[in-house]
């Protein structure tokens, strides 16, 4: 009966809700949970250390989130930046969101903000010519580095 009562729920269709319900934060790539938001690695990162701050409640738009949810999501971005800085020493960051499929959101149904570390001269020909991103480490290594930095 559990399946019948939960079929079609956000946890069945949303990658973020599924990650929250997985029960294994490392496997789900969840780095830190707050009361209203959480940090998760991007499974398809643009750079090592690319993560997202996600509002826990399944809401699609910025205007749907409460002030408390947005405050915690942004506070987690500050925390994440400190951890990324300690673990990777980037020269800068891209921080932002795409709201709605037309704006380029890969997961348009659940509010999330990207944090992408950047280094001077980090552009190369692979994304342009080969439509391929080259990352210097695995997601598991990134998870270990950032989870250690978050605990410090």
N, C-alpha and C. Protein backbone atom coordinates (compact mmCIF):
# COMPACT_ATOMS: atom_id res chain seq x y z
N UNK A 1 0.81 -1.20 0.00
CA UNK A 1 0.00 0.00 0.00
C UNK A 1 0.86 1.27 0.00
N UNK A 2 2.06 1.18 0.54
CA UNK A 2 2.91 2.36 0.57
C UNK A 2 3.16 2.87 -0.84
N UNK A 3 3.41 1.96 -1.79
CA UNK A 3 3.65 2.37 -3.16
C UNK A 3 2.44 3.10 -3.72
N UNK A 4 1.25 2.57 -3.48
CA UNK A 4 0.03 3.16 -4.01
C UNK A 4 -0.17 4.57 -3.45
N UNK A 5 0.11 4.76 -2.18
CA UNK A 5 -0.12 6.07 -1.57
C UNK A 5 0.95 7.09 -1.94
N UNK A 6 2.14 6.63 -2.39
CA UNK A 6 3.20 7.58 -2.72
C UNK A 6 3.46 7.68 -4.22
N UNK A 7 2.84 6.84 -5.03
CA UNK A 7 3.06 6.90 -6.48
C UNK A 7 2.69 8.28 -6.99
N UNK A 8 3.55 8.83 -7.79
CA UNK A 8 3.30 10.16 -8.33
C UNK A 8 3.72 11.29 -7.42
N UNK A 9 4.29 10.97 -6.25
CA UNK A 9 4.75 12.01 -5.33
C UNK A 9 6.05 12.60 -5.87
N UNK A 10 6.45 13.81 -5.39
CA UNK A 10 7.69 14.40 -5.87
C UNK A 10 8.90 13.48 -5.72
N UNK A 11 8.93 12.64 -4.67
CA UNK A 11 10.08 11.74 -4.48
C UNK A 11 10.20 10.74 -5.62
N UNK A 12 9.08 10.45 -6.30
CA UNK A 12 9.12 9.53 -7.43
C UNK A 12 9.64 10.20 -8.69
N UNK A 13 9.48 11.51 -8.81
CA UNK A 13 9.77 12.18 -10.07
C UNK A 13 10.85 13.25 -9.98
N UNK A 14 11.19 13.71 -8.81
CA UNK A 14 12.14 14.80 -8.63
C UNK A 14 13.46 14.26 -8.09
N UNK A 15 14.56 14.59 -8.77
CA UNK A 15 15.87 14.07 -8.32
C UNK A 15 16.24 14.58 -6.93
N UNK A 16 15.83 15.80 -6.59
CA UNK A 16 16.17 16.34 -5.27
C UNK A 16 15.34 15.68 -4.17
N UNK A 17 14.05 15.50 -4.41
CA UNK A 17 13.20 14.81 -3.43
C UNK A 17 13.63 13.35 -3.28
N UNK A 18 14.02 12.72 -4.38
CA UNK A 18 14.52 11.34 -4.33
C UNK A 18 15.79 11.26 -3.51
N UNK A 19 16.69 12.23 -3.69
CA UNK A 19 17.94 12.24 -2.92
C UNK A 19 17.64 12.38 -1.43
N UNK A 20 16.72 13.27 -1.08
CA UNK A 20 16.36 13.46 0.33
C UNK A 20 15.78 12.19 0.95
N UNK A 21 15.05 11.43 0.16
CA UNK A 21 14.39 10.22 0.66
C UNK A 21 15.28 8.98 0.58
N UNK A 22 16.45 9.09 -0.02
CA UNK A 22 17.29 7.92 -0.29
C UNK A 22 17.79 7.22 0.97
N UNK A 23 18.04 7.96 2.04
CA UNK A 23 18.52 7.35 3.27
C UNK A 23 20.03 7.20 3.35
N UNK A 24 20.75 7.51 2.28
CA UNK A 24 22.21 7.42 2.26
C UNK A 24 22.73 8.72 1.63
N UNK A 25 23.07 9.68 2.48
CA UNK A 25 23.47 10.99 1.97
C UNK A 25 24.70 10.93 1.08
N UNK A 26 25.67 10.10 1.41
CA UNK A 26 26.86 10.01 0.57
C UNK A 26 26.50 9.52 -0.82
N UNK A 27 25.72 8.47 -0.88
CA UNK A 27 25.32 7.92 -2.18
C UNK A 27 24.45 8.91 -2.96
N UNK A 28 23.62 9.66 -2.24
CA UNK A 28 22.76 10.67 -2.86
C UNK A 28 23.50 11.98 -3.14
N UNK A 29 24.76 12.06 -2.72
CA UNK A 29 25.63 13.22 -2.90
C UNK A 29 25.21 14.44 -2.06
N UNK A 30 24.41 14.21 -1.02
CA UNK A 30 24.02 15.29 -0.12
C UNK A 30 25.16 15.55 0.86
N UNK A 31 25.68 16.76 0.82
CA UNK A 31 26.81 17.14 1.67
C UNK A 31 26.38 17.63 3.04
N UNK A 32 25.27 18.35 3.10
CA UNK A 32 24.82 18.91 4.37
C UNK A 32 23.32 19.18 4.29
N UNK A 33 22.63 18.90 5.39
CA UNK A 33 21.20 19.18 5.50
C UNK A 33 20.97 20.27 6.53
N UNK A 34 20.10 21.19 6.19
CA UNK A 34 19.62 22.18 7.14
C UNK A 34 18.16 21.88 7.43
N UNK A 35 17.48 22.79 8.08
CA UNK A 35 16.05 22.60 8.36
C UNK A 35 15.20 22.87 7.14
N UNK A 36 15.62 23.83 6.30
CA UNK A 36 14.79 24.24 5.16
C UNK A 36 15.50 24.14 3.82
N UNK A 37 16.77 23.78 3.83
CA UNK A 37 17.55 23.68 2.59
C UNK A 37 18.70 22.70 2.81
N UNK A 38 19.32 22.28 1.72
CA UNK A 38 20.44 21.35 1.82
C UNK A 38 21.42 21.58 0.68
N UNK A 39 22.65 21.08 0.87
CA UNK A 39 23.70 21.15 -0.15
C UNK A 39 23.87 19.78 -0.79
N UNK A 40 23.95 19.76 -2.11
CA UNK A 40 24.13 18.52 -2.85
C UNK A 40 25.10 18.76 -4.00
N UNK A 41 25.97 17.79 -4.24
CA UNK A 41 26.86 17.89 -5.40
C UNK A 41 26.04 17.78 -6.67
N UNK A 42 26.48 18.48 -7.70
CA UNK A 42 25.87 18.32 -9.01
C UNK A 42 26.44 17.04 -9.61
N UNK A 43 25.58 16.12 -10.02
CA UNK A 43 26.02 14.84 -10.58
C UNK A 43 26.68 15.02 -11.94
N UNK A 44 26.45 16.16 -12.58
CA UNK A 44 27.05 16.47 -13.88
C UNK A 44 27.72 17.84 -13.79
N UNK A 45 28.81 17.91 -13.01
CA UNK A 45 29.40 19.21 -12.68
C UNK A 45 30.08 19.90 -13.85
N UNK A 46 30.06 21.23 -13.81
CA UNK A 46 30.81 22.05 -14.77
C UNK A 46 32.26 22.17 -14.35
N UNK A 47 32.53 21.97 -13.05
CA UNK A 47 33.88 22.05 -12.49
C UNK A 47 33.89 21.24 -11.20
N UNK A 48 35.06 20.81 -10.78
CA UNK A 48 35.17 20.13 -9.49
C UNK A 48 34.70 21.07 -8.39
N UNK A 49 33.85 20.57 -7.50
CA UNK A 49 33.31 21.39 -6.44
C UNK A 49 31.96 22.01 -6.76
N UNK A 50 31.47 21.82 -7.99
CA UNK A 50 30.16 22.37 -8.38
C UNK A 50 29.08 21.70 -7.54
N UNK A 51 28.35 22.51 -6.80
CA UNK A 51 27.27 21.99 -5.96
C UNK A 51 26.06 22.89 -6.06
N UNK A 52 25.00 22.48 -5.40
CA UNK A 52 23.77 23.25 -5.41
C UNK A 52 23.22 23.38 -4.00
N UNK A 53 22.61 24.51 -3.73
CA UNK A 53 21.86 24.73 -2.51
C UNK A 53 20.40 24.61 -2.91
N UNK A 54 19.69 23.68 -2.27
CA UNK A 54 18.34 23.32 -2.69
C UNK A 54 17.37 23.56 -1.53
N UNK A 55 16.26 24.22 -1.82
CA UNK A 55 15.20 24.36 -0.83
C UNK A 55 14.60 22.97 -0.62
N UNK A 56 14.45 22.55 0.63
CA UNK A 56 13.97 21.20 0.93
C UNK A 56 12.55 20.97 0.43
N UNK A 57 11.68 21.93 0.67
CA UNK A 57 10.29 21.80 0.24
C UNK A 57 10.23 21.84 -1.28
N UNK A 58 9.41 20.99 -1.86
CA UNK A 58 9.29 20.90 -3.32
C UNK A 58 8.49 22.08 -3.85
N UNK A 59 9.22 23.15 -4.20
CA UNK A 59 8.62 24.33 -4.84
C UNK A 59 9.44 24.67 -6.07
N UNK A 60 8.77 25.12 -7.11
CA UNK A 60 9.45 25.37 -8.38
C UNK A 60 10.06 26.76 -8.46
N UNK A 61 9.36 27.75 -7.94
CA UNK A 61 9.78 29.12 -8.19
C UNK A 61 10.31 29.87 -6.99
N UNK A 62 11.17 30.82 -7.28
CA UNK A 62 11.74 31.69 -6.26
C UNK A 62 10.63 32.39 -5.49
N UNK A 63 9.60 32.80 -6.20
CA UNK A 63 8.50 33.52 -5.57
C UNK A 63 7.63 32.63 -4.69
N UNK A 64 7.73 31.31 -4.84
CA UNK A 64 6.96 30.37 -4.03
C UNK A 64 7.64 30.05 -2.70
N UNK A 65 8.94 30.25 -2.63
CA UNK A 65 9.70 29.93 -1.42
C UNK A 65 9.46 30.99 -0.35
N UNK A 66 9.55 30.56 0.90
CA UNK A 66 9.40 31.50 2.00
C UNK A 66 10.73 32.24 2.22
N UNK A 67 10.65 33.35 2.93
CA UNK A 67 11.86 34.11 3.26
C UNK A 67 12.82 33.24 4.06
N UNK A 68 12.29 32.40 4.94
CA UNK A 68 13.13 31.53 5.77
C UNK A 68 13.85 30.49 4.90
N UNK A 69 13.16 29.93 3.92
CA UNK A 69 13.79 28.96 3.02
C UNK A 69 14.90 29.61 2.20
N UNK A 70 14.62 30.79 1.67
CA UNK A 70 15.63 31.49 0.87
C UNK A 70 16.83 31.90 1.71
N UNK A 71 16.57 32.36 2.92
CA UNK A 71 17.67 32.74 3.82
C UNK A 71 18.57 31.55 4.11
N UNK A 72 17.98 30.41 4.41
CA UNK A 72 18.80 29.24 4.70
C UNK A 72 19.55 28.77 3.46
N UNK A 73 18.91 28.80 2.30
CA UNK A 73 19.58 28.39 1.06
C UNK A 73 20.80 29.27 0.79
N UNK A 74 20.67 30.57 1.00
CA UNK A 74 21.78 31.49 0.77
C UNK A 74 22.85 31.34 1.85
N UNK A 75 22.44 31.13 3.09
CA UNK A 75 23.40 30.89 4.16
C UNK A 75 24.21 29.62 3.89
N UNK A 76 23.55 28.59 3.36
CA UNK A 76 24.28 27.37 2.98
C UNK A 76 25.26 27.63 1.84
N UNK A 77 24.93 28.56 0.95
CA UNK A 77 25.88 28.93 -0.11
C UNK A 77 27.13 29.53 0.51
N UNK A 78 26.98 30.40 1.52
CA UNK A 78 28.15 30.95 2.22
C UNK A 78 28.99 29.83 2.82
N UNK A 79 28.33 28.90 3.48
CA UNK A 79 29.02 27.76 4.09
C UNK A 79 29.75 26.95 3.02
N UNK A 80 29.07 26.70 1.92
CA UNK A 80 29.66 25.92 0.82
C UNK A 80 30.87 26.63 0.24
N UNK A 81 30.78 27.94 0.07
CA UNK A 81 31.91 28.69 -0.49
C UNK A 81 33.13 28.60 0.41
N UNK A 82 32.92 28.64 1.71
CA UNK A 82 34.05 28.50 2.64
C UNK A 82 34.70 27.12 2.49
N UNK A 83 33.87 26.09 2.36
CA UNK A 83 34.38 24.73 2.20
C UNK A 83 35.09 24.57 0.86
N UNK A 84 34.50 25.09 -0.19
CA UNK A 84 35.13 25.01 -1.52
C UNK A 84 36.46 25.76 -1.51
N UNK A 85 36.48 26.92 -0.87
CA UNK A 85 37.72 27.70 -0.79
C UNK A 85 38.81 26.92 -0.08
N UNK A 86 38.45 26.27 1.02
CA UNK A 86 39.43 25.49 1.78
C UNK A 86 39.91 24.27 1.00
N UNK A 87 39.01 23.63 0.26
CA UNK A 87 39.35 22.39 -0.43
C UNK A 87 39.98 22.61 -1.80
N UNK A 88 39.61 23.68 -2.50
CA UNK A 88 40.02 23.85 -3.90
C UNK A 88 40.75 25.15 -4.23
N UNK A 89 40.61 26.16 -3.41
CA UNK A 89 41.24 27.46 -3.64
C UNK A 89 40.90 28.06 -5.02
N UNK A 90 39.62 28.15 -5.37
CA UNK A 90 39.29 28.76 -6.66
C UNK A 90 39.54 30.27 -6.64
N UNK A 91 39.60 30.86 -7.83
CA UNK A 91 39.81 32.30 -7.96
C UNK A 91 38.51 33.09 -7.97
N UNK A 92 37.39 32.41 -8.13
CA UNK A 92 36.09 33.07 -8.18
C UNK A 92 34.98 32.04 -8.21
N UNK A 93 33.75 32.53 -8.34
CA UNK A 93 32.57 31.65 -8.35
C UNK A 93 31.52 32.19 -9.31
N UNK A 94 30.78 31.29 -9.90
CA UNK A 94 29.50 31.62 -10.53
C UNK A 94 28.44 31.09 -9.59
N UNK A 95 27.51 31.96 -9.20
CA UNK A 95 26.42 31.56 -8.31
C UNK A 95 25.13 32.04 -8.96
N UNK A 96 24.18 31.12 -9.12
CA UNK A 96 22.93 31.55 -9.72
C UNK A 96 21.95 30.43 -9.94
N UNK A 97 20.85 30.79 -10.61
CA UNK A 97 19.79 29.83 -10.86
C UNK A 97 19.14 30.12 -12.20
N UNK A 98 18.54 29.10 -12.75
CA UNK A 98 17.73 29.21 -13.95
C UNK A 98 16.33 28.76 -13.54
N UNK A 99 15.38 29.66 -13.57
CA UNK A 99 14.02 29.31 -13.15
C UNK A 99 13.16 29.05 -14.38
N UNK A 100 12.68 27.82 -14.50
CA UNK A 100 11.83 27.44 -15.62
C UNK A 100 12.62 26.83 -16.76
N UNK A 101 12.01 25.93 -17.48
CA UNK A 101 12.67 25.25 -18.59
C UNK A 101 13.15 26.24 -19.65
N UNK A 102 12.36 27.28 -19.94
CA UNK A 102 12.75 28.26 -20.95
C UNK A 102 14.03 29.01 -20.56
N UNK A 103 14.30 29.10 -19.28
CA UNK A 103 15.50 29.78 -18.79
C UNK A 103 16.69 28.83 -18.69
N UNK A 104 16.48 27.56 -19.00
CA UNK A 104 17.58 26.60 -18.97
C UNK A 104 17.64 25.72 -17.75
N UNK A 105 16.61 25.72 -16.92
CA UNK A 105 16.62 24.88 -15.72
C UNK A 105 16.57 23.41 -16.11
N UNK A 106 17.52 22.63 -15.62
CA UNK A 106 17.53 21.19 -15.85
C UNK A 106 16.50 20.47 -15.01
N UNK A 107 16.22 21.02 -13.83
CA UNK A 107 15.19 20.49 -12.93
C UNK A 107 14.26 21.66 -12.61
N UNK A 108 13.32 21.95 -13.51
CA UNK A 108 12.50 23.15 -13.34
C UNK A 108 11.49 23.07 -12.20
N UNK A 109 11.23 21.90 -11.67
CA UNK A 109 10.19 21.75 -10.65
C UNK A 109 10.63 21.93 -9.22
N UNK A 110 11.94 22.09 -8.97
CA UNK A 110 12.42 22.17 -7.58
C UNK A 110 13.51 23.25 -7.50
N UNK A 111 13.25 24.26 -6.70
CA UNK A 111 14.12 25.42 -6.59
C UNK A 111 15.52 25.04 -6.08
N UNK A 112 16.54 25.43 -6.86
CA UNK A 112 17.92 25.18 -6.47
C UNK A 112 18.81 26.26 -7.06
N UNK A 113 19.93 26.52 -6.38
CA UNK A 113 20.90 27.52 -6.81
C UNK A 113 22.25 26.84 -6.98
N UNK A 114 22.92 27.15 -8.07
CA UNK A 114 24.22 26.55 -8.38
C UNK A 114 25.35 27.37 -7.79
N UNK A 115 26.38 26.68 -7.34
CA UNK A 115 27.64 27.29 -6.90
C UNK A 115 28.73 26.59 -7.70
N UNK A 116 29.36 27.34 -8.61
CA UNK A 116 30.39 26.76 -9.49
C UNK A 116 31.71 27.48 -9.24
N UNK A 117 32.70 26.78 -8.68
CA UNK A 117 34.01 27.40 -8.50
C UNK A 117 34.67 27.64 -9.86
N UNK A 118 35.43 28.74 -9.94
CA UNK A 118 36.11 29.09 -11.19
C UNK A 118 37.57 29.42 -10.90
N UNK A 119 38.42 29.15 -11.86
CA UNK A 119 39.84 29.46 -11.77
C UNK A 119 40.24 30.31 -12.95
N UNK A 120 41.17 31.21 -12.73
CA UNK A 120 41.67 32.03 -13.83
C UNK A 120 42.18 31.12 -14.94
N UNK A 121 41.71 31.35 -16.14
CA UNK A 121 42.15 30.54 -17.28
C UNK A 121 41.55 29.15 -17.32
N UNK A 122 40.41 28.92 -16.66
CA UNK A 122 39.86 27.55 -16.60
C UNK A 122 39.07 27.15 -17.84
N UNK A 123 38.95 28.02 -18.82
CA UNK A 123 38.26 27.61 -20.05
C UNK A 123 39.23 26.83 -20.92
N UNK A 124 38.68 25.87 -21.65
CA UNK A 124 39.50 25.11 -22.58
C UNK A 124 38.66 24.72 -23.78
N UNK A 125 39.26 24.07 -24.75
CA UNK A 125 38.58 23.76 -26.00
C UNK A 125 37.62 22.59 -25.90
N UNK A 126 37.74 21.73 -24.90
CA UNK A 126 36.92 20.52 -24.85
C UNK A 126 35.42 20.79 -24.81
N UNK A 127 34.92 21.72 -23.98
CA UNK A 127 33.47 21.96 -23.99
C UNK A 127 32.98 22.52 -25.32
N UNK A 128 33.84 23.26 -26.01
CA UNK A 128 33.43 23.91 -27.25
C UNK A 128 33.53 22.95 -28.44
N UNK A 129 34.65 22.30 -28.61
CA UNK A 129 34.87 21.41 -29.75
C UNK A 129 34.25 20.04 -29.54
N UNK A 130 34.51 19.44 -28.39
CA UNK A 130 34.08 18.06 -28.15
C UNK A 130 32.79 17.91 -27.38
N UNK A 131 32.17 19.04 -27.00
CA UNK A 131 30.96 19.00 -26.18
C UNK A 131 31.16 18.07 -24.98
N UNK A 132 32.37 18.16 -24.38
CA UNK A 132 32.77 17.29 -23.28
C UNK A 132 33.43 18.13 -22.20
N UNK A 133 33.12 17.83 -20.95
CA UNK A 133 33.77 18.51 -19.84
C UNK A 133 34.84 17.59 -19.26
N UNK A 134 35.99 18.15 -18.96
CA UNK A 134 37.08 17.40 -18.36
C UNK A 134 37.18 17.80 -16.89
N UNK A 135 37.03 16.82 -16.00
CA UNK A 135 37.12 17.08 -14.57
C UNK A 135 38.32 16.33 -14.00
N UNK A 136 39.08 16.99 -13.12
CA UNK A 136 40.29 16.36 -12.60
C UNK A 136 40.06 15.32 -11.51
N UNK A 137 38.82 15.14 -11.05
CA UNK A 137 38.59 14.17 -9.99
C UNK A 137 37.17 13.60 -10.06
N UNK A 138 36.97 12.48 -9.39
CA UNK A 138 35.66 11.82 -9.37
C UNK A 138 34.71 12.52 -8.40
N UNK A 139 33.42 12.25 -8.55
CA UNK A 139 32.43 12.80 -7.61
C UNK A 139 32.69 12.32 -6.19
N UNK A 140 33.14 11.07 -6.04
CA UNK A 140 33.42 10.52 -4.72
C UNK A 140 34.54 11.31 -4.03
N UNK A 141 35.58 11.63 -4.79
CA UNK A 141 36.69 12.42 -4.24
C UNK A 141 36.21 13.82 -3.88
N UNK A 142 35.42 14.42 -4.75
CA UNK A 142 34.86 15.75 -4.47
C UNK A 142 34.02 15.71 -3.20
N UNK A 143 33.17 14.69 -3.07
CA UNK A 143 32.32 14.54 -1.88
C UNK A 143 33.20 14.48 -0.63
N UNK A 144 34.23 13.65 -0.65
CA UNK A 144 35.10 13.50 0.51
C UNK A 144 35.79 14.81 0.87
N UNK A 145 36.31 15.51 -0.14
CA UNK A 145 37.02 16.77 0.12
C UNK A 145 36.09 17.82 0.73
N UNK A 146 34.89 17.95 0.15
CA UNK A 146 33.97 18.98 0.63
C UNK A 146 33.31 18.61 1.95
N UNK A 147 32.99 17.34 2.15
CA UNK A 147 32.38 16.96 3.43
C UNK A 147 33.39 17.16 4.57
N UNK A 148 34.66 16.89 4.31
CA UNK A 148 35.70 17.15 5.31
C UNK A 148 35.81 18.64 5.59
N UNK A 149 35.81 19.45 4.54
CA UNK A 149 35.92 20.91 4.71
C UNK A 149 34.69 21.47 5.42
N UNK A 150 33.52 20.92 5.16
CA UNK A 150 32.30 21.40 5.83
C UNK A 150 32.31 21.09 7.32
N UNK A 151 32.97 20.01 7.71
CA UNK A 151 33.04 19.64 9.13
C UNK A 151 34.08 20.47 9.88
N UNK A 152 34.99 21.12 9.16
CA UNK A 152 36.07 21.89 9.81
C UNK A 152 35.57 23.19 10.38
